Amino acid sequence: MERKTDLRISKTVRAIKTAFLDLIAIKPLQKITIKELADRAEINKGTFYLHYLDIYDLYNKLVKETVAKIAGSFDPYPDLFVDPVAFVHTFLFAQVEPLAQILSPGERALLSENNIKFCPDYPQCFIEAFRVKIYNVGKLAPCWENDIKIDFLLTGMLSIVIQYRPSLSRDGKQRDLLVQFLSS
């Protein structure tokens, strides 16, 4: 039997997240206090601690939610199973909507260079978000072996995006060679 979350809890968590995103849009993470956040969310500090260990726990959960939002902003995932070339090409070279159109100012601030250093799992958040999207296609059973295969593919592709994308954008022959290699 599925348990429903109490509406009061949902509203409180939403207020905490909203207050935090408002604050992080105007100041760095390490400058945000629980008292300031609780005041803005109109809760007491004890209520905050019922839901989160500390400000960094909240931050890391919001980073994961934001990364999942980015992973869901484009949909090459079904192509992985029917047209791997199209999947790799889209994954590497698709012009995902600019983050300003997808994310709020607070969500963009979560991922800023000054703040992201407080999320040691940041790269893994992307891998997990993309893996979930691939499993959601329904063509691959979630299991340890498939996790490893997906992680291997995604880690390689993300590292190529980070390191080589600017040069690949200019050289169509290299880009085509890379797409063929990765899709095989």
Protein backbone atom coordinates (compact mmCIF):
# COMPACT_ATOMS: atom_id res chain seq x y z
CA MET A 1 0.00 0.00 0.00
CA GLU A 2 1.37 3.40 -1.00
CA ARG A 3 1.81 5.93 1.79
CA LYS A 4 0.68 9.44 1.05
CA THR A 5 2.81 12.31 2.20
CA ASP A 6 0.99 14.66 4.51
CA LEU A 7 0.08 17.91 2.71
CA ARG A 8 1.65 19.94 5.53
CA ILE A 9 4.96 18.13 5.03
CA SER A 10 4.84 18.73 1.27
CA LYS A 11 4.15 22.43 1.79
CA THR A 12 6.94 22.73 4.36
CA VAL A 13 9.50 21.01 2.14
CA ARG A 14 8.44 23.16 -0.81
CA ALA A 15 8.76 26.32 1.33
CA ILE A 16 12.25 25.28 2.45
CA LYS A 17 13.37 24.58 -1.12
CA THR A 18 11.89 27.82 -2.44
CA ALA A 19 13.48 29.87 0.32
CA PHE A 20 16.83 28.19 -0.27
CA LEU A 21 16.73 28.76 -4.04
CA ASP A 22 15.84 32.41 -3.42
CA LEU A 23 18.78 32.79 -1.04
CA ILE A 24 21.35 30.96 -3.13
CA ALA A 25 20.46 33.16 -6.10
CA ILE A 26 21.74 36.17 -4.16
CA LYS A 27 24.51 34.76 -1.93
CA PRO A 28 26.97 31.85 -1.88
CA LEU A 29 26.06 28.61 -0.16
CA GLN A 30 28.52 28.99 2.70
CA LYS A 31 26.93 32.32 3.65
CA ILE A 32 23.40 30.93 4.04
CA THR A 33 22.39 30.15 7.62
CA ILE A 34 19.66 27.82 8.83
CA LYS A 35 18.10 30.69 10.79
CA GLU A 36 17.95 32.90 7.72
CA LEU A 37 16.50 30.05 5.65
CA ALA A 38 13.95 29.15 8.34
CA ASP A 39 12.83 32.78 8.65
CA ARG A 40 12.37 33.07 4.88
CA ALA A 41 10.48 29.74 4.74
CA GLU A 42 8.37 30.79 7.74
CA ILE A 43 9.29 27.73 9.78
CA ASN A 44 11.37 27.20 12.89
CA LYS A 45 14.88 25.78 12.78
CA GLY A 46 13.74 22.51 14.34
CA THR A 47 11.34 21.94 11.46
CA PHE A 48 14.22 22.33 9.01
CA TYR A 49 16.15 19.61 10.86
CA LEU A 50 13.19 17.24 10.64
CA HIS A 51 13.76 17.18 6.86
CA TYR A 52 17.49 17.80 6.34
CA LEU A 53 20.72 17.09 8.22
CA ASP A 54 22.17 20.50 7.44
CA ILE A 55 22.30 23.14 4.72
CA TYR A 56 24.66 20.96 2.65
CA ASP A 57 22.24 18.03 2.73
CA LEU A 58 19.53 20.29 1.33
CA TYR A 59 21.97 21.68 -1.23
CA ASN A 60 23.02 18.23 -2.46
CA LYS A 61 19.41 17.08 -2.80
CA LEU A 62 18.56 20.18 -4.81
CA VAL A 63 21.59 19.64 -7.05
CA LYS A 64 20.32 16.12 -7.82
CA GLU A 65 16.84 17.46 -8.61
CA THR A 66 18.29 20.17 -10.85
CA VAL A 67 20.53 17.74 -12.72
CA ALA A 68 17.53 15.46 -13.26
CA LYS A 69 15.67 18.45 -14.69
CA ILE A 70 18.54 19.08 -17.11
CA ALA A 71 18.66 15.38 -18.10
CA GLY A 72 14.94 15.54 -18.80
CA SER A 73 15.20 18.67 -20.95
CA PHE A 74 16.09 16.65 -24.04
CA ASP A 75 15.20 13.10 -25.03
CA PRO A 76 17.76 11.12 -27.02
CA TYR A 77 17.28 8.08 -24.76
CA PRO A 78 14.93 5.94 -26.92
CA ASP A 79 17.44 6.21 -29.79
CA LEU A 80 20.00 4.29 -27.76
CA PHE A 81 18.06 1.12 -28.53
CA VAL A 82 16.93 1.76 -32.12
CA ASP A 83 19.48 4.14 -33.60
CA PRO A 84 22.70 4.32 -31.54
CA VAL A 85 24.29 6.73 -34.03
CA ALA A 86 21.44 9.19 -33.52
CA PHE A 87 21.67 8.71 -29.73
CA VAL A 88 25.40 9.47 -29.61
CA HIS A 89 25.09 12.38 -32.02
CA THR A 90 22.21 13.94 -30.09
CA PHE A 91 23.81 13.31 -26.70
CA LEU A 92 27.12 14.86 -27.75
CA PHE A 93 26.01 17.66 -30.01
CA ALA A 94 22.37 18.56 -29.35
CA GLN A 95 21.86 22.15 -28.43
CA VAL A 96 19.99 21.65 -25.19
CA GLU A 97 17.95 24.72 -24.40
CA PRO A 98 20.11 27.30 -22.66
CA LEU A 99 20.09 26.77 -18.92
CA ALA A 100 18.52 30.20 -18.48
CA GLN A 101 15.37 28.87 -20.16
CA ILE A 102 15.29 25.59 -18.25
CA LEU A 103 16.44 26.60 -14.78
CA SER A 104 15.47 29.30 -12.30
CA PRO A 105 18.15 31.75 -11.12
CA GLY A 106 18.45 29.75 -7.90
CA GLU A 107 18.89 26.46 -9.76
CA ARG A 108 21.58 28.03 -11.94
CA ALA A 109 23.30 29.32 -8.79
CA LEU A 110 23.32 25.77 -7.37
CA LEU A 111 25.56 24.74 -10.25
CA SER A 112 27.82 27.81 -10.18
CA GLU A 113 31.54 27.31 -9.77
CA ASN A 114 31.48 28.89 -6.28
CA ASN A 115 28.81 26.51 -5.03
CA ILE A 116 29.29 23.24 -6.90
CA LYS A 117 32.49 22.49 -5.00
CA PHE A 118 30.23 21.64 -2.05
CA CYS A 119 28.70 18.73 -3.99
CA PRO A 120 31.41 16.09 -4.28
CA ASP A 121 29.02 13.76 -6.16
CA TYR A 122 28.23 16.34 -8.83
CA PRO A 123 29.53 14.35 -11.84
CA GLN A 124 27.86 11.19 -10.56
CA CYS A 125 24.56 13.09 -10.28
CA PHE A 126 24.57 13.50 -14.06
CA ILE A 127 25.39 9.83 -14.67
CA GLU A 128 22.56 8.76 -12.35
CA ALA A 129 20.05 11.15 -13.94
CA PHE A 130 20.89 9.96 -17.45
CA ARG A 131 20.83 6.30 -16.33
CA VAL A 132 17.32 6.77 -14.91
CA LYS A 133 16.18 8.27 -18.22
CA ILE A 134 17.65 5.32 -20.14
CA TYR A 135 15.94 2.79 -17.86
CA ASN A 136 12.66 4.70 -18.19
CA VAL A 137 12.64 3.87 -21.92
CA GLY A 138 11.76 0.35 -20.76
CA LYS A 139 14.08 -1.60 -23.06
CA LEU A 140 16.71 -2.44 -20.47
CA ALA A 141 16.22 -4.09 -17.11
CA PRO A 142 17.80 -2.24 -14.18
CA CYS A 143 20.58 -4.40 -12.77
CA TRP A 144 24.18 -4.13 -11.67
CA GLU A 145 25.62 -5.27 -15.03
CA ASN A 146 23.51 -2.79 -16.99
CA ASP A 147 24.41 -0.01 -14.54
CA ILE A 148 28.08 -0.64 -15.31
CA LYS A 149 27.52 -0.66 -19.08
CA ILE A 150 25.48 2.55 -18.98
CA ASP A 151 27.94 4.25 -16.62
CA PHE A 152 30.84 3.27 -18.89
CA LEU A 153 29.11 4.69 -21.97
CA LEU A 154 27.90 7.88 -20.27
CA THR A 155 31.16 8.58 -18.46
CA GLY A 156 33.06 8.29 -21.72
CA MET A 157 30.62 10.50 -23.59
CA LEU A 158 30.52 13.15 -20.85
CA SER A 159 34.29 13.24 -20.70
CA ILE A 160 34.41 13.73 -24.48
CA VAL A 161 31.83 16.51 -24.26
CA ILE A 162 33.92 18.25 -21.62
CA GLN A 163 37.31 17.78 -23.24
CA TYR A 164 36.78 17.67 -27.00
CA ARG A 165 33.45 19.26 -27.91
CA PRO A 166 34.84 22.63 -29.03
CA SER A 167 37.22 21.03 -31.54
CA LEU A 168 34.66 18.45 -32.67
CA SER A 169 32.15 21.19 -33.43
CA ARG A 170 34.54 22.60 -36.04
CA ASP A 171 35.67 19.34 -37.65
CA GLY A 172 32.80 17.34 -39.15
CA LYS A 173 35.06 14.43 -40.16
CA GLN A 174 36.36 13.95 -36.59
CA ARG A 175 32.84 14.32 -35.23
CA ASP A 176 31.49 11.63 -37.58
CA LEU A 177 34.37 9.30 -36.72
CA LEU A 178 33.75 9.77 -33.00
CA VAL A 179 30.00 9.18 -33.34
CA GLN A 180 30.59 5.97 -35.34
CA PHE A 181 33.14 4.74 -32.80
CA LEU A 182 30.96 5.40 -29.76
CA SER A 183 27.79 4.04 -31.32
CA SER A 184 29.45 0.76 -32.20
